Amino acid sequence: MPPTSAILTNAAVVQPGIPQHGTFWCIPASIENMLHCVGCTNLSQEDLVEAFIRTQMSGGSVQASRQTVLEHFRSRPLPGAHFGSFTSIVERKLAGSLPSRELSHEGNLTTADYLLKIKTHIANDEPVLISARSGGNLCHITVVFGYNGDVINTYDPGQDLMLDLHVSNYTFEQDMLILKTTPDAGANP
């Protein structure tokens, strides 16, 4: 069982977080914030959105400039965007940059399992992105940086706010992305 409360080691360093730079950019903005939690600052949400548009949507055939692509999608949804589509982009762009970390996409969790996984990963100093509904019908991605009992401490890049909400305020979407510590991270070379 995880402890009754925990916070990411570098949580204070990344507060306040990096807000979303596009209306529907909660996944790439949350990934950028997650990476900042472990000191990785060389992959922005703009990098992620551009790569998503160029590879996931068009098979690499978009010939427009970076600025044109980003401006076009600043206020438009990213069709088909999900954790899996961005995971492969992050892994490709950061190959070798995070030797002791790996992204893990977990889904099909019950609410009880979801909360236990959040607590376990945060207690292990592993940043978590959650997919949840909080006070509305829209699914939204936020960064979990701590918890205290059943209160989850998150950063919402869409609102540019730190939030401390009881789990009863969330409807979890059975989907999360974790920046796990790899098994060999503590091994001596």
Foldseek 3Di string as FASTA:
>chain_A
DFDQKFFFPCPVVQPLHAADQAQALQPQRQVCSQCVSVPDNPAHSLNLQLVCCCPVVPNNPDPDDSVVSCVVRRYPHSPPDDPVSSQVVCCVVCVVVCVFWHKDKFFPDDLVRVVVVCRVCLSVNKKKWFFKDFPDDDTGIWIFGMARRQWTWTQRNHVSDTDTHGCVRIDTPRIMMITDGDPCNPPDD
